[in-house]
């Protein structure tokens, strides 16, 4: 992911993003942990006063627990198919659907410092698109200790602290997710994330 135009400027810890984080006493080294910390770091490189990022995009379907482990969910679905013919048929249906629907929708990013908008633009598809966004949103919901039944309410909010023990940093995160049903399972999702990065203090 590259949101900044000046990769030579790095945070004081020396690189962008965490290899792993600890949230609620549990370690995480998944793609979501690396994405969110890298996003925060890149925004701070570009605009040191940034304290909020808003991501907006139209996504299909509900947010579900399976999105936390998409590889396992895919394997389970494949195991439920009977024989190679069913797998081939499913793949052909998926490819045909993709050709009809076209490429995923783009995600719009707005960076803010207090009430001031620093910049607002579409994210590059290779960094994030609307098909991937739900898989990253659910991890904020999980780290915020929200029950799955609440994930698709009209408005969801929580907070958490993530520790990057390798770089001795902490991220304080507060988020607000607005889920607006558009039609036929299509949702407009607006995710506002307020964040701070600070040196980690040993207890």
N, C-alpha and C. Protein backbone atom coordinates (compact mmCIF):
# COMPACT_ATOMS: atom_id res chain seq x y z
N UNK A 1 0.85 -1.19 0.00
CA UNK A 1 0.00 0.00 0.00
C UNK A 1 0.88 1.23 0.00
N UNK A 2 0.55 2.19 -0.82
CA UNK A 2 1.33 3.42 -0.87
C UNK A 2 0.37 4.59 -1.03
N UNK A 3 0.11 5.28 0.07
CA UNK A 3 -0.79 6.43 0.04
C UNK A 3 -0.04 7.73 -0.07
N UNK A 4 1.23 7.72 0.29
CA UNK A 4 1.99 8.96 0.32
C UNK A 4 2.82 9.10 -0.94
N UNK A 5 3.20 10.33 -1.22
CA UNK A 5 4.06 10.60 -2.37
C UNK A 5 5.50 10.83 -1.96
N UNK A 6 5.79 10.60 -0.67
CA UNK A 6 7.13 10.86 -0.16
C UNK A 6 7.57 9.70 0.73
N UNK A 7 7.89 8.53 0.14
CA UNK A 7 8.24 7.37 0.94
C UNK A 7 9.55 7.52 1.68
N UNK A 8 10.35 8.53 1.39
CA UNK A 8 11.62 8.70 2.09
C UNK A 8 11.44 9.17 3.52
N UNK A 9 10.28 9.79 3.81
CA UNK A 9 10.01 10.25 5.17
C UNK A 9 9.37 9.12 5.97
N UNK A 10 10.06 8.66 6.99
CA UNK A 10 9.58 7.55 7.79
C UNK A 10 9.27 8.00 9.20
N UNK A 11 8.40 7.28 9.91
CA UNK A 11 8.16 7.63 11.30
C UNK A 11 9.41 7.38 12.12
N UNK A 12 9.41 7.89 13.35
CA UNK A 12 10.61 7.83 14.17
C UNK A 12 11.06 6.41 14.43
N UNK A 13 10.14 5.45 14.39
CA UNK A 13 10.51 4.06 14.65
C UNK A 13 11.24 3.45 13.47
N UNK A 14 11.27 4.08 12.30
CA UNK A 14 12.13 3.65 11.20
C UNK A 14 11.45 2.97 10.03
N UNK A 15 10.23 2.47 10.18
CA UNK A 15 9.55 1.86 9.06
C UNK A 15 8.05 2.03 9.22
N UNK A 16 7.33 1.71 8.15
CA UNK A 16 5.88 1.90 8.16
C UNK A 16 5.16 0.60 8.49
N UNK A 17 4.24 0.66 9.41
CA UNK A 17 3.42 -0.49 9.73
C UNK A 17 4.05 -1.47 10.69
N UNK A 18 3.20 -2.18 11.41
CA UNK A 18 3.64 -3.17 12.38
C UNK A 18 3.67 -4.56 11.76
N UNK A 19 4.66 -5.35 12.13
CA UNK A 19 4.66 -6.77 11.75
C UNK A 19 3.61 -7.53 12.55
N UNK A 20 3.37 -7.09 13.77
CA UNK A 20 2.35 -7.70 14.62
C UNK A 20 1.92 -6.68 15.66
N UNK A 21 0.72 -6.86 16.17
CA UNK A 21 0.21 -6.00 17.23
C UNK A 21 -0.40 -6.86 18.33
N UNK A 22 -0.56 -6.27 19.50
CA UNK A 22 -1.22 -6.93 20.61
C UNK A 22 -2.45 -6.11 20.98
N UNK A 23 -3.62 -6.75 20.94
CA UNK A 23 -4.88 -6.09 21.27
C UNK A 23 -5.59 -6.93 22.33
N UNK A 24 -5.99 -6.32 23.40
CA UNK A 24 -6.66 -7.03 24.49
C UNK A 24 -5.86 -8.23 24.96
N UNK A 25 -4.53 -8.08 24.95
CA UNK A 25 -3.65 -9.13 25.44
C UNK A 25 -3.35 -10.23 24.46
N UNK A 26 -3.92 -10.16 23.25
CA UNK A 26 -3.72 -11.22 22.25
C UNK A 26 -2.90 -10.69 21.07
N UNK A 27 -1.96 -11.51 20.54
CA UNK A 27 -1.15 -11.06 19.41
C UNK A 27 -1.85 -11.31 18.08
N UNK A 28 -1.63 -10.41 17.13
CA UNK A 28 -2.18 -10.53 15.78
C UNK A 28 -1.11 -10.13 14.77
N UNK A 29 -0.88 -11.00 13.79
CA UNK A 29 0.09 -10.69 12.73
C UNK A 29 -0.54 -10.85 11.36
N UNK A 30 -1.85 -10.61 11.30
CA UNK A 30 -2.58 -10.82 10.05
C UNK A 30 -2.51 -9.59 9.15
N UNK A 31 -3.14 -9.71 7.99
CA UNK A 31 -3.13 -8.62 7.01
C UNK A 31 -3.79 -7.37 7.55
N UNK A 32 -4.87 -7.52 8.32
CA UNK A 32 -5.57 -6.36 8.86
C UNK A 32 -4.68 -5.56 9.80
N UNK A 33 -3.93 -6.25 10.65
CA UNK A 33 -3.04 -5.56 11.59
C UNK A 33 -2.00 -4.74 10.83
N UNK A 34 -1.47 -5.32 9.77
CA UNK A 34 -0.45 -4.63 8.99
C UNK A 34 -1.07 -3.49 8.18
N UNK A 35 -2.28 -3.71 7.64
CA UNK A 35 -2.93 -2.67 6.85
C UNK A 35 -3.20 -1.43 7.69
N UNK A 36 -3.88 -1.62 8.83
CA UNK A 36 -4.31 -0.46 9.61
C UNK A 36 -3.12 0.32 10.16
N UNK A 37 -2.12 -0.36 10.68
CA UNK A 37 -0.97 0.37 11.21
C UNK A 37 -0.17 1.04 10.10
N UNK A 38 -0.09 0.41 8.94
CA UNK A 38 0.60 1.04 7.81
C UNK A 38 -0.17 2.27 7.33
N UNK A 39 -1.49 2.16 7.27
CA UNK A 39 -2.31 3.30 6.87
C UNK A 39 -2.10 4.47 7.82
N UNK A 40 -2.16 4.21 9.12
CA UNK A 40 -1.95 5.28 10.10
C UNK A 40 -0.57 5.90 9.94
N UNK A 41 0.45 5.05 9.80
CA UNK A 41 1.82 5.55 9.68
C UNK A 41 2.01 6.39 8.42
N UNK A 42 1.46 5.92 7.30
CA UNK A 42 1.61 6.66 6.04
C UNK A 42 0.92 8.03 6.12
N UNK A 43 -0.25 8.05 6.74
CA UNK A 43 -0.95 9.32 6.89
C UNK A 43 -0.16 10.28 7.77
N UNK A 44 0.45 9.77 8.83
CA UNK A 44 1.23 10.62 9.73
C UNK A 44 2.50 11.12 9.05
N UNK A 45 3.06 10.32 8.15
CA UNK A 45 4.21 10.77 7.38
C UNK A 45 3.82 11.95 6.48
N UNK A 46 2.69 11.81 5.82
CA UNK A 46 2.25 12.83 4.88
C UNK A 46 1.73 14.07 5.58
N UNK A 47 1.02 13.85 6.70
CA UNK A 47 0.42 14.97 7.45
C UNK A 47 0.55 14.67 8.94
N UNK A 48 1.57 15.18 9.60
CA UNK A 48 1.81 14.87 11.02
C UNK A 48 0.66 15.23 11.95
N UNK A 49 -0.22 16.14 11.53
CA UNK A 49 -1.33 16.55 12.40
C UNK A 49 -2.58 15.70 12.22
N UNK A 50 -2.56 14.75 11.30
CA UNK A 50 -3.75 13.94 11.02
C UNK A 50 -4.16 13.18 12.27
N UNK A 51 -5.46 13.11 12.52
CA UNK A 51 -5.95 12.32 13.64
C UNK A 51 -7.23 11.55 13.31
N UNK A 52 -7.64 11.61 12.03
CA UNK A 52 -8.84 10.86 11.64
C UNK A 52 -8.77 10.51 10.17
N UNK A 53 -9.23 9.30 9.85
CA UNK A 53 -9.34 8.89 8.47
C UNK A 53 -10.75 8.33 8.26
N UNK A 54 -11.37 8.70 7.15
CA UNK A 54 -12.71 8.24 6.81
C UNK A 54 -12.63 7.45 5.51
N UNK A 55 -13.11 6.21 5.54
CA UNK A 55 -13.16 5.36 4.36
C UNK A 55 -14.62 5.12 4.00
N UNK A 56 -14.94 5.31 2.71
CA UNK A 56 -16.31 5.14 2.25
C UNK A 56 -16.33 4.27 1.00
N UNK A 57 -17.28 3.34 0.97
CA UNK A 57 -17.40 2.49 -0.20
C UNK A 57 -18.69 1.69 -0.16
N UNK A 58 -19.13 1.25 -1.34
CA UNK A 58 -20.33 0.42 -1.46
C UNK A 58 -19.92 -1.04 -1.53
N UNK A 59 -20.42 -1.84 -0.58
CA UNK A 59 -20.04 -3.25 -0.51
C UNK A 59 -21.29 -4.11 -0.50
N UNK A 60 -21.13 -5.34 -0.95
CA UNK A 60 -22.25 -6.26 -1.01
C UNK A 60 -22.32 -7.16 0.21
N UNK A 61 -23.53 -7.45 0.69
CA UNK A 61 -23.73 -8.42 1.76
C UNK A 61 -23.48 -7.86 3.14
N UNK A 62 -23.78 -8.71 4.13
CA UNK A 62 -23.61 -8.36 5.53
C UNK A 62 -22.17 -8.60 5.97
N UNK A 63 -21.78 -7.92 7.04
CA UNK A 63 -20.51 -8.20 7.69
C UNK A 63 -20.69 -9.41 8.59
N UNK A 64 -19.87 -10.44 8.40
CA UNK A 64 -20.03 -11.69 9.14
C UNK A 64 -18.69 -12.16 9.70
N UNK A 65 -18.76 -13.05 10.68
CA UNK A 65 -17.56 -13.55 11.33
C UNK A 65 -16.62 -14.28 10.40
N UNK A 66 -17.15 -14.89 9.34
CA UNK A 66 -16.31 -15.60 8.39
C UNK A 66 -15.28 -14.68 7.74
N UNK A 67 -15.57 -13.38 7.71
CA UNK A 67 -14.62 -12.44 7.09
C UNK A 67 -13.32 -12.32 7.89
N UNK A 68 -13.35 -12.76 9.16
CA UNK A 68 -12.12 -12.73 9.96
C UNK A 68 -11.11 -13.76 9.46
N UNK A 69 -11.60 -14.85 8.91
CA UNK A 69 -10.73 -15.92 8.38
C UNK A 69 -11.24 -16.33 7.00
N UNK A 70 -11.08 -15.48 6.00
CA UNK A 70 -11.66 -15.77 4.68
C UNK A 70 -11.10 -17.03 4.04
N UNK A 71 -9.84 -17.37 4.31
CA UNK A 71 -9.26 -18.57 3.71
C UNK A 71 -9.98 -19.82 4.22
N UNK A 72 -10.25 -19.85 5.53
CA UNK A 72 -10.94 -21.00 6.12
C UNK A 72 -12.36 -21.10 5.60
N UNK A 73 -13.02 -19.95 5.45
CA UNK A 73 -14.40 -19.95 4.95
C UNK A 73 -14.45 -20.45 3.52
N UNK A 74 -13.48 -20.03 2.69
CA UNK A 74 -13.43 -20.49 1.30
C UNK A 74 -13.20 -21.99 1.23
N UNK A 75 -12.28 -22.48 2.06
CA UNK A 75 -12.00 -23.91 2.05
C UNK A 75 -13.22 -24.72 2.48
N UNK A 76 -13.96 -24.24 3.48
CA UNK A 76 -15.16 -24.93 3.93
C UNK A 76 -16.20 -24.98 2.83
N UNK A 77 -16.36 -23.86 2.11
CA UNK A 77 -17.33 -23.84 1.02
C UNK A 77 -16.94 -24.82 -0.08
N UNK A 78 -15.65 -24.88 -0.38
CA UNK A 78 -15.19 -25.82 -1.41
C UNK A 78 -15.40 -27.26 -0.97
N UNK A 79 -15.19 -27.53 0.32
CA UNK A 79 -15.37 -28.89 0.83
C UNK A 79 -16.82 -29.33 0.75
N UNK A 80 -17.74 -28.38 0.78
CA UNK A 80 -19.16 -28.71 0.72
C UNK A 80 -19.62 -29.05 -0.69
N UNK A 81 -18.80 -28.71 -1.68
CA UNK A 81 -19.14 -29.03 -3.06
C UNK A 81 -18.85 -30.51 -3.32
N UNK A 82 -19.66 -31.15 -4.11
CA UNK A 82 -19.52 -32.59 -4.35
C UNK A 82 -18.79 -32.82 -5.67
N UNK A 83 -17.49 -33.16 -5.56
CA UNK A 83 -16.74 -33.54 -6.75
C UNK A 83 -16.17 -32.37 -7.51
N UNK A 84 -15.20 -32.67 -8.38
CA UNK A 84 -14.51 -31.64 -9.16
C UNK A 84 -15.42 -30.91 -10.12
N UNK A 85 -16.47 -31.60 -10.62
CA UNK A 85 -17.38 -30.95 -11.55
C UNK A 85 -18.09 -29.78 -10.93
N UNK A 86 -18.48 -29.95 -9.64
CA UNK A 86 -19.16 -28.87 -8.94
C UNK A 86 -18.21 -27.68 -8.73
N UNK A 87 -16.96 -27.99 -8.41
CA UNK A 87 -15.98 -26.93 -8.22
C UNK A 87 -15.78 -26.15 -9.51
N UNK A 88 -15.63 -26.89 -10.63
CA UNK A 88 -15.43 -26.24 -11.92
C UNK A 88 -16.63 -25.38 -12.29
N UNK A 89 -17.83 -25.90 -12.04
CA UNK A 89 -19.04 -25.14 -12.34
C UNK A 89 -19.10 -23.86 -11.51
N UNK A 90 -18.74 -23.97 -10.23
CA UNK A 90 -18.76 -22.80 -9.36
C UNK A 90 -17.77 -21.75 -9.84
N UNK A 91 -16.57 -22.19 -10.21
CA UNK A 91 -15.57 -21.25 -10.72
C UNK A 91 -16.05 -20.55 -11.97
N UNK A 92 -16.70 -21.29 -12.86
CA UNK A 92 -17.20 -20.70 -14.09
C UNK A 92 -18.29 -19.67 -13.78
N UNK A 93 -19.13 -19.97 -12.79
CA UNK A 93 -20.18 -19.03 -12.41
C UNK A 93 -19.59 -17.75 -11.81
N UNK A 94 -18.55 -17.91 -11.00
CA UNK A 94 -17.90 -16.75 -10.40
C UNK A 94 -17.27 -15.88 -11.47
N UNK A 95 -16.57 -16.51 -12.42
CA UNK A 95 -15.93 -15.75 -13.50
C UNK A 95 -16.97 -15.02 -14.34
N UNK A 96 -18.08 -15.68 -14.64
CA UNK A 96 -19.13 -15.06 -15.43
C UNK A 96 -19.74 -13.87 -14.68
N UNK A 97 -19.93 -14.04 -13.37
CA UNK A 97 -20.50 -12.95 -12.57
C UNK A 97 -19.55 -11.75 -12.54
N UNK A 98 -18.25 -12.01 -12.43
CA UNK A 98 -17.27 -10.93 -12.40
C UNK A 98 -17.25 -10.17 -13.72
N UNK A 99 -17.44 -10.88 -14.82
CA UNK A 99 -17.45 -10.22 -16.13
C UNK A 99 -18.67 -9.32 -16.26
N UNK A 100 -19.79 -9.72 -15.66
CA UNK A 100 -21.01 -8.92 -15.74
C UNK A 100 -20.90 -7.70 -14.82
N UNK A 101 -20.45 -7.94 -13.58
CA UNK A 101 -20.41 -6.87 -12.59
C UNK A 101 -19.31 -5.87 -12.88
N UNK A 102 -18.18 -6.36 -13.39
CA UNK A 102 -17.05 -5.47 -13.65
C UNK A 102 -16.13 -5.39 -12.44
N UNK A 103 -15.15 -4.51 -12.51
CA UNK A 103 -14.18 -4.41 -11.41
C UNK A 103 -14.83 -3.89 -10.14
N UNK A 104 -14.21 -4.14 -8.97
CA UNK A 104 -14.77 -3.67 -7.70
C UNK A 104 -14.84 -2.15 -7.65
N UNK A 105 -15.78 -1.65 -6.88
CA UNK A 105 -15.91 -0.20 -6.70
C UNK A 105 -14.71 0.33 -5.92
N UNK A 106 -14.44 1.60 -6.11
CA UNK A 106 -13.32 2.23 -5.43
C UNK A 106 -13.72 2.66 -4.02
N UNK A 107 -12.73 2.82 -3.17
CA UNK A 107 -12.93 3.31 -1.80
C UNK A 107 -12.43 4.75 -1.74
N UNK A 108 -13.24 5.62 -1.16
CA UNK A 108 -12.87 7.02 -1.02
C UNK A 108 -12.27 7.25 0.36
N UNK A 109 -11.15 7.94 0.41
CA UNK A 109 -10.45 8.21 1.66
C UNK A 109 -10.41 9.71 1.92
N UNK A 110 -10.74 10.10 3.13
CA UNK A 110 -10.62 11.48 3.57
C UNK A 110 -9.79 11.51 4.85
N UNK A 111 -8.75 12.34 4.86
CA UNK A 111 -7.91 12.51 6.04
C UNK A 111 -8.22 13.85 6.68
N UNK A 112 -8.33 13.84 8.01
CA UNK A 112 -8.73 15.05 8.73
C UNK A 112 -7.80 15.31 9.91
N UNK A 113 -7.69 16.58 10.27
CA UNK A 113 -7.03 17.01 11.50
C UNK A 113 -8.05 17.85 12.25
N UNK A 114 -8.62 17.28 13.30
CA UNK A 114 -9.74 17.96 13.95
C UNK A 114 -10.90 18.09 12.98
N UNK A 115 -11.39 19.30 12.78
CA UNK A 115 -12.50 19.52 11.85
C UNK A 115 -12.02 19.88 10.45
N UNK A 116 -10.72 20.00 10.26
CA UNK A 116 -10.16 20.41 8.97
C UNK A 116 -9.89 19.18 8.09
N UNK A 117 -10.29 19.27 6.83
CA UNK A 117 -10.00 18.21 5.86
C UNK A 117 -8.62 18.46 5.26
N UNK A 118 -7.73 17.49 5.42
CA UNK A 118 -6.38 17.62 4.88
C UNK A 118 -6.35 17.26 3.40
N UNK A 119 -7.00 16.17 3.05
CA UNK A 119 -7.16 15.81 1.64
C UNK A 119 -8.26 14.77 1.52
N UNK A 120 -8.76 14.61 0.31
CA UNK A 120 -9.83 13.65 0.05
C UNK A 120 -9.62 13.12 -1.36
N UNK A 121 -9.54 11.78 -1.50
CA UNK A 121 -9.29 11.21 -2.82
C UNK A 121 -9.66 9.74 -2.86
N UNK A 122 -9.77 9.21 -4.07
CA UNK A 122 -10.01 7.78 -4.25
C UNK A 122 -8.72 7.01 -3.99
N UNK A 123 -8.84 5.87 -3.32
CA UNK A 123 -7.68 5.05 -3.08
C UNK A 123 -7.34 4.26 -4.35
N UNK A 124 -6.08 4.00 -4.54
CA UNK A 124 -5.66 3.18 -5.66
C UNK A 124 -6.17 1.76 -5.46
N UNK A 125 -6.62 1.14 -6.54
CA UNK A 125 -7.24 -0.18 -6.46
C UNK A 125 -6.30 -1.22 -5.86
N UNK A 126 -5.00 -1.10 -6.16
CA UNK A 126 -4.07 -2.10 -5.62
C UNK A 126 -3.86 -1.93 -4.12
N UNK A 127 -4.22 -0.77 -3.58
CA UNK A 127 -4.11 -0.55 -2.13
C UNK A 127 -5.35 -1.05 -1.42
N UNK A 128 -6.53 -0.72 -1.94
CA UNK A 128 -7.79 -1.11 -1.32
C UNK A 128 -8.94 -0.86 -2.27
N UNK A 129 -9.83 -1.84 -2.39
CA UNK A 129 -11.08 -1.63 -3.14
C UNK A 129 -12.25 -2.07 -2.27
N UNK A 130 -13.47 -1.85 -2.77
CA UNK A 130 -14.66 -2.10 -1.97
C UNK A 130 -14.89 -3.57 -1.68
N UNK A 131 -14.32 -4.48 -2.47
CA UNK A 131 -14.45 -5.90 -2.17
C UNK A 131 -13.61 -6.30 -0.96
N UNK A 132 -12.49 -5.64 -0.75
CA UNK A 132 -11.59 -5.96 0.35
C UNK A 132 -11.99 -5.24 1.63
N UNK A 133 -12.60 -4.08 1.50
CA UNK A 133 -12.92 -3.24 2.66
C UNK A 133 -13.62 -4.00 3.79
N UNK A 134 -14.66 -4.81 3.53
CA UNK A 134 -15.34 -5.50 4.64
C UNK A 134 -14.42 -6.40 5.45
N UNK A 135 -13.43 -7.01 4.79
CA UNK A 135 -12.52 -7.91 5.49
C UNK A 135 -11.60 -7.15 6.45
N UNK A 136 -11.42 -5.87 6.21
CA UNK A 136 -10.62 -5.03 7.11
C UNK A 136 -11.48 -4.39 8.19
N UNK A 137 -12.72 -4.05 7.83
CA UNK A 137 -13.64 -3.47 8.81
C UNK A 137 -13.91 -4.45 9.95
N UNK A 138 -14.13 -5.72 9.63
CA UNK A 138 -14.54 -6.67 10.67
C UNK A 138 -13.47 -6.83 11.74
N UNK A 139 -12.21 -6.59 11.39
CA UNK A 139 -11.17 -6.72 12.41
C UNK A 139 -11.23 -5.56 13.39
N UNK A 140 -11.60 -4.37 12.95
CA UNK A 140 -11.82 -3.29 13.91
C UNK A 140 -12.96 -3.64 14.85
N UNK A 141 -14.02 -4.21 14.30
CA UNK A 141 -15.16 -4.62 15.12
C UNK A 141 -14.75 -5.69 16.12
N UNK A 142 -13.93 -6.62 15.69
CA UNK A 142 -13.45 -7.69 16.57
C UNK A 142 -12.55 -7.13 17.67
N UNK A 143 -11.61 -6.28 17.29
CA UNK A 143 -10.71 -5.69 18.29
C UNK A 143 -11.47 -4.77 19.25
N UNK A 144 -12.56 -4.18 18.77
CA UNK A 144 -13.39 -3.35 19.62
C UNK A 144 -14.33 -4.16 20.50
N UNK A 145 -14.22 -5.49 20.44
CA UNK A 145 -14.98 -6.42 21.28
C UNK A 145 -16.48 -6.25 21.11
N UNK A 146 -16.90 -6.06 19.86
CA UNK A 146 -18.32 -5.96 19.55
C UNK A 146 -18.85 -7.32 19.11
N UNK A 147 -19.99 -7.70 19.61
CA UNK A 147 -20.60 -8.97 19.23
C UNK A 147 -21.02 -8.94 17.77
N UNK A 148 -20.93 -10.09 17.10
CA UNK A 148 -21.22 -10.15 15.67
C UNK A 148 -22.63 -9.69 15.34
N UNK A 149 -23.58 -9.93 16.24
CA UNK A 149 -24.97 -9.54 15.96
C UNK A 149 -25.11 -8.03 15.78
N UNK A 150 -24.15 -7.26 16.32
CA UNK A 150 -24.24 -5.80 16.25
C UNK A 150 -23.52 -5.21 15.05
N UNK A 151 -22.78 -6.01 14.32
CA UNK A 151 -21.91 -5.48 13.27
C UNK A 151 -22.65 -4.74 12.17
N UNK A 152 -23.89 -5.13 11.89
CA UNK A 152 -24.62 -4.57 10.76
C UNK A 152 -25.71 -3.59 11.18
N UNK A 153 -25.67 -3.15 12.42
CA UNK A 153 -26.59 -2.11 12.84
C UNK A 153 -26.32 -0.82 12.07
N UNK A 154 -27.29 0.08 12.09
CA UNK A 154 -27.14 1.32 11.32
C UNK A 154 -25.88 2.08 11.71
N UNK A 155 -25.54 2.04 12.99
CA UNK A 155 -24.33 2.72 13.46
C UNK A 155 -23.67 1.88 14.54
N UNK A 156 -22.36 1.70 14.41
CA UNK A 156 -21.59 0.89 15.34
C UNK A 156 -20.35 1.67 15.74
N UNK A 157 -20.03 1.68 17.03
CA UNK A 157 -18.84 2.40 17.46
C UNK A 157 -18.17 1.67 18.61
N UNK A 158 -16.86 1.82 18.69
CA UNK A 158 -16.10 1.25 19.80
C UNK A 158 -14.69 1.82 19.76
N UNK A 159 -13.82 1.29 20.61
CA UNK A 159 -12.43 1.73 20.64
C UNK A 159 -11.55 0.60 21.15
N UNK A 160 -10.26 0.73 20.94
CA UNK A 160 -9.30 -0.26 21.43
C UNK A 160 -7.90 0.35 21.38
N UNK A 161 -6.98 -0.32 22.05
CA UNK A 161 -5.57 0.06 22.00
C UNK A 161 -4.79 -1.10 21.40
N UNK A 162 -3.92 -0.80 20.43
CA UNK A 162 -3.07 -1.81 19.81
C UNK A 162 -1.61 -1.49 20.12
N UNK A 163 -0.89 -2.48 20.60
CA UNK A 163 0.52 -2.30 20.93
C UNK A 163 1.40 -2.90 19.83
N UNK A 164 2.35 -2.13 19.38
CA UNK A 164 3.41 -2.64 18.49
C UNK A 164 4.66 -2.76 19.36
N UNK A 165 4.85 -3.94 19.93
CA UNK A 165 5.93 -4.11 20.90
C UNK A 165 7.30 -4.14 20.25
N UNK A 166 7.35 -4.50 18.98
CA UNK A 166 8.64 -4.51 18.28
C UNK A 166 9.19 -3.09 18.12
N UNK A 167 8.31 -2.15 17.80
CA UNK A 167 8.74 -0.76 17.58
C UNK A 167 8.45 0.13 18.78
N UNK A 168 7.92 -0.48 19.86
CA UNK A 168 7.62 0.25 21.09
C UNK A 168 6.67 1.42 20.83
N UNK A 169 5.56 1.12 20.13
CA UNK A 169 4.53 2.11 19.84
C UNK A 169 3.17 1.58 20.28
N UNK A 170 2.26 2.49 20.56
CA UNK A 170 0.87 2.12 20.79
C UNK A 170 -0.02 2.96 19.88
N UNK A 171 -1.12 2.36 19.44
CA UNK A 171 -2.12 3.05 18.63
C UNK A 171 -3.42 3.07 19.43
N UNK A 172 -3.93 4.27 19.67
CA UNK A 172 -5.22 4.42 20.33
C UNK A 172 -6.25 4.71 19.25
N UNK A 173 -7.24 3.84 19.15
CA UNK A 173 -8.17 3.87 18.02
C UNK A 173 -9.61 3.96 18.51
N UNK A 174 -10.35 4.91 17.94
CA UNK A 174 -11.79 5.01 18.15
C UNK A 174 -12.45 5.04 16.77
N UNK A 175 -13.47 4.23 16.59
CA UNK A 175 -14.09 4.18 15.26
C UNK A 175 -15.60 4.25 15.35
N UNK A 176 -16.17 4.73 14.26
CA UNK A 176 -17.62 4.81 14.10
C UNK A 176 -17.95 4.30 12.70
N UNK A 177 -18.77 3.27 12.63
CA UNK A 177 -19.16 2.67 11.35
C UNK A 177 -20.64 2.90 11.09
N UNK A 178 -20.94 3.50 9.93
CA UNK A 178 -22.33 3.69 9.52
C UNK A 178 -22.62 2.75 8.36
N UNK A 179 -23.62 1.88 8.55
CA UNK A 179 -24.05 0.93 7.52
C UNK A 179 -25.39 1.40 6.95
N UNK A 180 -25.41 1.77 5.70
CA UNK A 180 -26.66 2.25 5.08
C UNK A 180 -27.04 1.31 3.94
N UNK A 181 -28.17 0.62 4.10
CA UNK A 181 -28.62 -0.32 3.07
C UNK A 181 -29.14 0.45 1.86
N UNK A 182 -28.58 0.14 0.71
CA UNK A 182 -28.99 0.83 -0.52
C UNK A 182 -30.09 0.05 -1.24
N UNK A 183 -29.78 -1.18 -1.63
CA UNK A 183 -30.78 -2.02 -2.30
C UNK A 183 -30.19 -3.39 -2.54
N UNK A 184 -31.05 -4.42 -2.44
CA UNK A 184 -30.69 -5.79 -2.81
C UNK A 184 -29.34 -6.22 -2.24
N UNK A 185 -29.15 -6.02 -0.95
CA UNK A 185 -27.94 -6.47 -0.29
C UNK A 185 -26.73 -5.58 -0.47
N UNK A 186 -26.91 -4.41 -1.11
CA UNK A 186 -25.80 -3.48 -1.30
C UNK A 186 -25.83 -2.44 -0.18
N UNK A 187 -24.66 -2.25 0.44
CA UNK A 187 -24.55 -1.32 1.56
C UNK A 187 -23.52 -0.24 1.28
N UNK A 188 -23.86 0.97 1.67
CA UNK A 188 -22.89 2.05 1.69
C UNK A 188 -22.30 2.08 3.09
N UNK A 189 -20.99 1.88 3.18
CA UNK A 189 -20.35 1.84 4.49
C UNK A 189 -19.43 3.05 4.63
N UNK A 190 -19.61 3.77 5.73
CA UNK A 190 -18.76 4.92 6.03
C UNK A 190 -18.09 4.66 7.37
N UNK A 191 -16.79 4.50 7.33
CA UNK A 191 -16.01 4.15 8.51
C UNK A 191 -15.12 5.34 8.89
N UNK A 192 -15.38 5.92 10.05
CA UNK A 192 -14.57 7.03 10.57
C UNK A 192 -13.68 6.48 11.68
N UNK A 193 -12.38 6.66 11.52
CA UNK A 193 -11.43 6.13 12.49
C UNK A 193 -10.57 7.27 13.02
N UNK A 194 -10.70 7.55 14.30
CA UNK A 194 -9.83 8.52 14.97
C UNK A 194 -8.69 7.74 15.62
N UNK A 195 -7.47 8.24 15.46
CA UNK A 195 -6.33 7.47 15.97
C UNK A 195 -5.23 8.39 16.47
N UNK A 196 -4.46 7.85 17.39
CA UNK A 196 -3.25 8.49 17.89
C UNK A 196 -2.16 7.43 17.96
N UNK A 197 -0.95 7.81 17.64
CA UNK A 197 0.21 6.92 17.80
C UNK A 197 1.15 7.54 18.81
N UNK A 198 1.58 6.75 19.76
CA UNK A 198 2.42 7.28 20.83
C UNK A 198 3.47 6.25 21.23
N UNK A 199 4.56 6.68 21.87
CA UNK A 199 5.55 5.72 22.38
C UNK A 199 4.92 4.80 23.43
N UNK A 200 5.30 3.56 23.40
CA UNK A 200 4.80 2.59 24.37
C UNK A 200 5.59 2.72 25.66
N UNK A 201 4.85 2.78 26.77
CA UNK A 201 5.46 2.89 28.09
C UNK A 201 5.36 1.55 28.79
N UNK A 202 6.49 0.99 29.20
CA UNK A 202 6.49 -0.29 29.90
C UNK A 202 5.79 -0.15 31.24
N UNK A 203 4.98 -1.16 31.56
CA UNK A 203 4.26 -1.13 32.84
C UNK A 203 5.23 -1.39 33.99
